[in-house]
PDB file of N, CA and C in Angstrom:
ATOM      1  N   MET A   1      12.874   6.166   1.662  1.00  0.00           N
ATOM      2  CA  MET A   1      11.476   5.385   1.954  1.00  0.00           C
ATOM      3  C   MET A   1      10.868   5.670   0.482  1.00  0.00           C
ATOM      4  N   ALA A   2      10.651   4.803  -0.165  1.00  0.00           N
ATOM      5  CA  ALA A   2       9.715   5.435  -2.270  1.00  0.00           C
ATOM      6  C   ALA A   2       8.795   5.669  -1.135  1.00  0.00           C
ATOM      7  N   PRO A   3       7.983   7.060  -2.514  1.00  0.00           N
ATOM      8  CA  PRO A   3       6.941   7.570  -2.058  1.00  0.00           C
ATOM      9  C   PRO A   3       5.575   6.609  -1.728  1.00  0.00           C
ATOM     10  N   ALA A   4       5.472   5.648  -2.629  1.00  0.00           N
ATOM     11  CA  ALA A   4       4.050   4.968  -2.328  1.00  0.00           C
ATOM     12  C   ALA A   4       4.687   4.374  -0.695  1.00  0.00           C
ATOM     13  N   THR A   5       5.992   4.189  -0.516  1.00  0.00           N
ATOM     14  CA  THR A   5       6.061   2.810   1.379  1.00  0.00           C
ATOM     15  C   THR A   5       5.186   4.260   2.074  1.00  0.00           C
ATOM     16  N   PHE A   6       6.277   5.464   1.736  1.00  0.00           N
ATOM     17  CA  PHE A   6       5.887   6.305   2.523  1.00  0.00           C
ATOM     18  C   PHE A   6       4.342   6.564   3.191  1.00  0.00           C
ATOM     19  N   SER A   7       3.857   7.067   1.653  1.00  0.00           N
ATOM     20  CA  SER A   7       2.450   7.242   2.231  1.00  0.00           C
ATOM     21  C   SER A   7       1.413   5.917   2.680  1.00  0.00           C
ATOM     22  N   GLN A   8       1.652   4.694   2.487  1.00  0.00           N
ATOM     23  CA  GLN A   8       1.647   3.455   3.335  1.00  0.00           C
ATOM     24  C   GLN A   8       2.049   3.513   4.622  1.00  0.00           C
ATOM     25  N   PHE A   9       3.177   4.723   4.832  1.00  0.00           N
ATOM     26  CA  PHE A   9       2.763   4.118   6.046  1.00  0.00           C
ATOM     27  C   PHE A   9       2.388   5.423   6.763  1.00  0.00           C
ATOM     28  N   LEU A  10       1.800   6.462   6.541  1.00  0.00           N
ATOM     29  CA  LEU A  10       1.629   7.689   6.816  1.00  0.00           C
ATOM     30  C   LEU A  10       0.201   7.470   7.170  1.00  0.00           C
ATOM     31  N   ARG A  11      -1.126   6.216   5.854  1.00  0.00           N
ATOM     32  CA  ARG A  11      -2.082   5.421   6.313  1.00  0.00           C
ATOM     33  C   ARG A  11      -1.999   4.974   7.739  1.00  0.00           C
ATOM     34  N   PHE A  12      -0.754   4.557   8.026  1.00  0.00           N
ATOM     35  CA  PHE A  12      -0.932   3.264   9.070  1.00  0.00           C
ATOM     36  C   PHE A  12      -0.649   3.940   9.895  1.00  0.00           C
ATOM     37  N   LEU A  13      -0.140   5.028  10.246  1.00  0.00           N
ATOM     38  CA  LEU A  13       0.125   5.684  11.616  1.00  0.00           C
ATOM     39  C   LEU A  13      -0.861   6.856  11.760  1.00  0.00           C
ATOM     40  N   GLN A  14      -1.791   7.499  10.629  1.00  0.00           N
ATOM     41  CA  GLN A  14      -3.289   7.911  10.602  1.00  0.00           C
ATOM     42  C   GLN A  14      -4.657   7.009  11.202  1.00  0.00           C
ATOM     43  N   GLU A  15      -3.894   5.334  10.981  1.00  0.00           N
ATOM     44  CA  GLU A  15      -5.261   4.653  10.297  1.00  0.00           C
ATOM     45  C   GLU A  15      -5.465   3.465  11.668  1.00  0.00           C
ATOM     46  N   ASP A  16      -4.074   3.072  11.820  1.00  0.00           N
ATOM     47  CA  ASP A  16      -3.427   1.600  13.256  1.00  0.00           C
ATOM     48  C   ASP A  16      -3.293   2.476  14.413  1.00  0.00           C
ATOM     49  N   LEU A  17      -3.290   3.846  13.993  1.00  0.00           N
ATOM     50  CA  LEU A  17      -2.247   3.917  15.535  1.00  0.00           C
ATOM     51  C   LEU A  17      -3.074   5.334  16.097  1.00  0.00           C
ATOM     52  N   ALA A  18      -4.365   5.886  15.235  1.00  0.00           N
ATOM     53  CA  ALA A  18      -4.827   6.997  15.249  1.00  0.00           C
ATOM     54  C   ALA A  18      -4.310   8.147  16.054  1.00  0.00           C
ATOM     55  N   ILE A  19      -3.585   8.743  15.120  1.00  0.00           N
ATOM     56  CA  ILE A  19      -2.134   9.759  15.006  1.00  0.00           C
ATOM     57  C   ILE A  19      -3.178  11.009  14.060  1.00  0.00           C
ATOM     58  N   SER A  20      -3.134  12.096  14.795  1.00  0.00           N
ATOM     59  CA  SER A  20      -3.863  12.562  13.923  1.00  0.00           C
ATOM     60  C   SER A  20      -3.178  13.567  13.078  1.00  0.00           C
ATOM     61  N   ALA A  21      -3.466  13.355  12.154  1.00  0.00           N
ATOM     62  CA  ALA A  21      -3.417  14.207  10.678  1.00  0.00           C
ATOM     63  C   ALA A  21      -2.257  15.878  11.209  1.00  0.00           C
ATOM     64  N   PRO A  22      -2.553  17.153  12.084  1.00  0.00           N
ATOM     65  CA  PRO A  22      -2.171  17.728  12.441  1.00  0.00           C
ATOM     66  C   PRO A  22      -0.429  17.564  13.286  1.00  0.00           C
ATOM     67  N   SER A  23      -1.054  16.313  14.299  1.00  0.00           N
ATOM     68  CA  SER A  23       0.612  15.324  15.003  1.00  0.00           C
ATOM     69  C   SER A  23       1.016  14.953  13.797  1.00  0.00           C
ATOM     70  N   LEU A  24       1.220  14.745  12.442  1.00  0.00           N
ATOM     71  CA  LEU A  24       1.664  14.716  11.786  1.00  0.00           C
ATOM     72  C   LEU A  24       2.493  15.543  10.966  1.00  0.00           C
ATOM     73  N   LYS A  25       1.562  16.104  10.812  1.00  0.00           N
ATOM     74  CA  LYS A  25       2.171  17.575  10.377  1.00  0.00           C
ATOM     75  C   LYS A  25       3.362  18.335  11.191  1.00  0.00           C
ATOM     76  N   ILE A  26       2.551  18.493  12.296  1.00  0.00           N
ATOM     77  CA  ILE A  26       3.735  18.893  13.606  1.00  0.00           C
ATOM     78  C   ILE A  26       5.612  18.127  13.257  1.00  0.00           C
ATOM     79  N   ALA A  27       5.257  17.073  13.111  1.00  0.00           N
ATOM     80  CA  ALA A  27       6.696  15.788  13.229  1.00  0.00           C
ATOM     81  C   ALA A  27       7.120  15.854  11.356  1.00  0.00           C
ATOM     82  N   LEU A  28       6.073  16.188  10.801  1.00  0.00           N
ATOM     83  CA  LEU A  28       6.854  16.365   9.044  1.00  0.00           C
ATOM     84  C   LEU A  28       7.485  18.010   9.567  1.00  0.00           C
ATOM     85  N   ARG A  29       7.169  18.823   9.911  1.00  0.00           N
ATOM     86  CA  ARG A  29       7.684  20.312  10.007  1.00  0.00           C
ATOM     87  C   ARG A  29       9.075  20.271  10.572  1.00  0.00           C
ATOM     88  N   HIS A  30       9.306  19.510  11.795  1.00  0.00           N
ATOM     89  CA  HIS A  30      10.468  19.194  12.577  1.00  0.00           C
ATOM     90  C   HIS A  30      11.183  19.024  12.072  1.00  0.00           C
ATOM     91  N   ARG A  31      10.869  17.319  11.095  1.00  0.00           N
ATOM     92  CA  ARG A  31      11.719  16.451   9.930  1.00  0.00           C
ATOM     93  C   ARG A  31      12.442  17.265   8.894  1.00  0.00           C
ATOM     94  N   GLU A  32      11.683  18.954   8.613  1.00  0.00           N
ATOM     95  CA  GLU A  32      12.458  19.349   7.363  1.00  0.00           C
ATOM     96  C   GLU A  32      13.792  20.099   8.139  1.00  0.00           C
ATOM     97  N   GLN A  33      12.900  20.634   9.661  1.00  0.00           N
ATOM     98  CA  GLN A  33      14.069  22.080  10.447  1.00  0.00           C
ATOM     99  C   GLN A  33      15.189  20.577  10.735  1.00  0.00           C
ATOM    100  N   ASP A  34      14.861  19.569  11.258  1.00  0.00           N
ATOM    101  CA  ASP A  34      16.366  18.275  11.675  1.00  0.00           C
ATOM    102  C   ASP A  34      15.818  17.502  11.370  1.00  0.00           C
ATOM    103  N   PRO A  35      15.976  17.078   9.722  1.00  0.00           N
ATOM    104  CA  PRO A  35      16.004  15.947   9.758  1.00  0.00           C
ATOM    105  C   PRO A  35      16.488  14.644  10.518  1.00  0.00           C
ATOM    106  N   GLY A  36      15.411  13.464  10.773  1.00  0.00           N
ATOM    107  CA  GLY A  36      15.827  11.737  11.494  1.00  0.00           C
ATOM    108  C   GLY A  36      14.349  11.066  10.808  1.00  0.00           C
ATOM    109  N   PRO A  37      14.731  10.200  11.896  1.00  0.00           N
ATOM    110  CA  PRO A  37      13.652   9.675  11.630  1.00  0.00           C
ATOM    111  C   PRO A  37      12.461   9.300  11.974  1.00  0.00           C
ATOM    112  N   LEU A  38      11.316   9.855  11.293  1.00  0.00           N
ATOM    113  CA  LEU A  38       9.780  10.049  11.360  1.00  0.00           C
ATOM    114  C   LEU A  38       9.293   9.283  13.092  1.00  0.00           C
ATOM    115  N   PRO A  39      10.065   8.605  12.409  1.00  0.00           N
ATOM    116  CA  PRO A  39       9.379   7.125  13.997  1.00  0.00           C
ATOM    117  C   PRO A  39      10.080   8.047  15.646  1.00  0.00           C
ATOM    118  N   MET A  40      11.661   8.615  16.021  1.00  0.00           N
ATOM    119  CA  MET A  40      11.637   9.019  16.348  1.00  0.00           C
ATOM    120  C   MET A  40      11.711  10.700  16.751  1.00  0.00           C
ATOM    121  N   ILE A  41      11.215  11.158  15.740  1.00  0.00           N
ATOM    122  CA  ILE A  41      10.672  11.987  15.733  1.00  0.00           C
ATOM    123  C   ILE A  41       9.346  12.406  16.995  1.00  0.00           C
ATOM    124  N   LEU A  42       8.328  11.437  16.054  1.00  0.00           N
ATOM    125  CA  LEU A  42       7.087  11.243  16.831  1.00  0.00           C
ATOM    126  C   LEU A  42       7.468  11.120  17.874  1.00  0.00           C
ATOM    127  N   TRP A  43       8.383  10.113  18.622  1.00  0.00           N
ATOM    128  CA  TRP A  43       8.711   9.949  19.842  1.00  0.00           C
ATOM    129  C   TRP A  43       8.986  10.914  20.893  1.00  0.00           C
ATOM    130  N   GLN A  44       9.820  11.444  20.456  1.00  0.00           N
ATOM    131  CA  GLN A  44      10.584  12.976  20.868  1.00  0.00           C
ATOM    132  C   GLN A  44       9.415  13.975  21.248  1.00  0.00           C
ATOM    133  N   TYR A  45       8.485  14.031  20.939  1.00  0.00           N
ATOM    134  CA  TYR A  45       7.544  14.937  21.112  1.00  0.00           C
ATOM    135  C   TYR A  45       6.394  15.224  21.473  1.00  0.00           C
ATOM    136  N   GLY A  46       6.773  13.611  21.842  1.00  0.00           N
ATOM    137  CA  GLY A  46       5.460  12.959  22.410  1.00  0.00           C
ATOM    138  C   GLY A  46       4.310  13.015  21.775  1.00  0.00           C
ATOM    139  N   LEU A  47       4.477  12.822  20.757  1.00  0.00           N
ATOM    140  CA  LEU A  47       3.233  11.893  19.561  1.00  0.00           C
ATOM    141  C   LEU A  47       2.572  10.901  19.691  1.00  0.00           C
ATOM    142  N   VAL A  48       3.805   9.761  20.326  1.00  0.00           N
ATOM    143  CA  VAL A  48       2.954   8.627  19.863  1.00  0.00           C
ATOM    144  C   VAL A  48       4.147   8.191  21.282  1.00  0.00           C
ATOM    145  N   THR A  49       3.161   6.706  21.854  1.00  0.00           N
ATOM    146  CA  THR A  49       3.896   6.229  23.275  1.00  0.00           C
ATOM    147  C   THR A  49       4.765   5.144  22.508  1.00  0.00           C
ATOM    148  N   MET A  50       5.910   4.598  23.739  1.00  0.00           N
ATOM    149  CA  MET A  50       6.765   3.682  23.095  1.00  0.00           C
ATOM    150  C   MET A  50       6.132   2.259  22.653  1.00  0.00           C
ATOM    151  N   GLU A  51       4.825   2.071  22.687  1.00  0.00           N
ATOM    152  CA  GLU A  51       4.249   1.423  22.536  1.00  0.00           C
ATOM    153  C   GLU A  51       3.872   1.485  21.177  1.00  0.00           C
ATOM    154  N   GLN A  52       3.505   2.267  20.823  1.00  0.00           N
ATOM    155  CA  GLN A  52       3.222   2.444  19.069  1.00  0.00           C
ATOM    156  C   GLN A  52       4.413   2.508  18.541  1.00  0.00           C
ATOM    157  N   LEU A  53       5.285   3.069  19.083  1.00  0.00           N
ATOM    158  CA  LEU A  53       6.653   3.023  18.421  1.00  0.00           C
ATOM    159  C   LEU A  53       7.340   1.738  18.212  1.00  0.00           C
ATOM    160  N   GLU A  54       6.356   1.030  19.443  1.00  0.00           N
ATOM    161  CA  GLU A  54       7.198  -0.205  18.884  1.00  0.00           C
ATOM    162  C   GLU A  54       6.454  -0.667  16.986  1.00  0.00           C
ATOM    163  N   ARG A  55       5.533  -0.913  17.444  1.00  0.00           N
ATOM    164  CA  ARG A  55       4.494  -0.900  16.351  1.00  0.00           C
ATOM    165  C   ARG A  55       4.950  -0.611  15.076  1.00  0.00           C
ATOM    166  N   ILE A  56       5.010   1.127  15.024  1.00  0.00           N
ATOM    167  CA  ILE A  56       5.838   1.489  13.999  1.00  0.00           C
ATOM    168  C   ILE A  56       6.882   0.823  13.179  1.00  0.00           C
ATOM    169  N   TYR A  57       8.016   0.528  14.355  1.00  0.00           N
ATOM    170  CA  TYR A  57       9.144  -0.133  14.033  1.00  0.00           C
ATOM    171  C   TYR A  57       8.785  -2.002  13.288  1.00  0.00           C
ATOM    172  N   ASP A  58       8.170  -1.941  14.101  1.00  0.00           N
ATOM    173  CA  ASP A  58       7.278  -3.872  12.965  1.00  0.00           C
ATOM    174  C   ASP A  58       6.749  -3.561  12.193  1.00  0.00           C
ATOM    175  N   TRP A  59       6.268  -2.723  12.266  1.00  0.00           N
ATOM    176  CA  TRP A  59       5.486  -2.801  10.894  1.00  0.00           C
ATOM    177  C   TRP A  59       6.316  -2.378   9.586  1.00  0.00           C
ATOM    178  N   LEU A  60       7.627  -0.914  10.094  1.00  0.00           N
ATOM    179  CA  LEU A  60       8.916  -0.653   9.099  1.00  0.00           C
ATOM    180  C   LEU A  60       9.403  -1.636   8.496  1.00  0.00           C
ATOM    181  N   GLU A  61      10.103  -2.546   9.604  1.00  0.00           N
ATOM    182  CA  GLU A  61      10.557  -4.064   9.500  1.00  0.00           C
ATOM    183  C   GLU A  61       9.939  -4.764   8.089  1.00  0.00           C
ATOM    184  N   THR A  62       8.251  -5.004   8.735  1.00  0.00           N
ATOM    185  CA  THR A  62       8.014  -5.643   7.213  1.00  0.00           C
ATOM    186  C   THR A  62       7.394  -5.138   5.602  1.00  0.00           C
ATOM    187  N   ALA A  63       7.661  -3.884   5.874  1.00  0.00           N
ATOM    188  CA  ALA A  63       7.126  -2.878   4.781  1.00  0.00           C
ATOM    189  C   ALA A  63       8.292  -3.017   3.652  1.00  0.00           C
TER     190      ALA A  63
END
């Protein structure tokens, strides 16, 4: 994902889905240790619901 798109994605997570900055930092830290798709990391650690995960993938499809 391009840096500009990634920045927009993080903004979407915080503004539209109300995911806190500390939660995002946790997910990004885990992603550094065990690379994987950020949406799945957020879901695996209970930081997003299944409904939010669906919205994330919908956003990614249109981005």
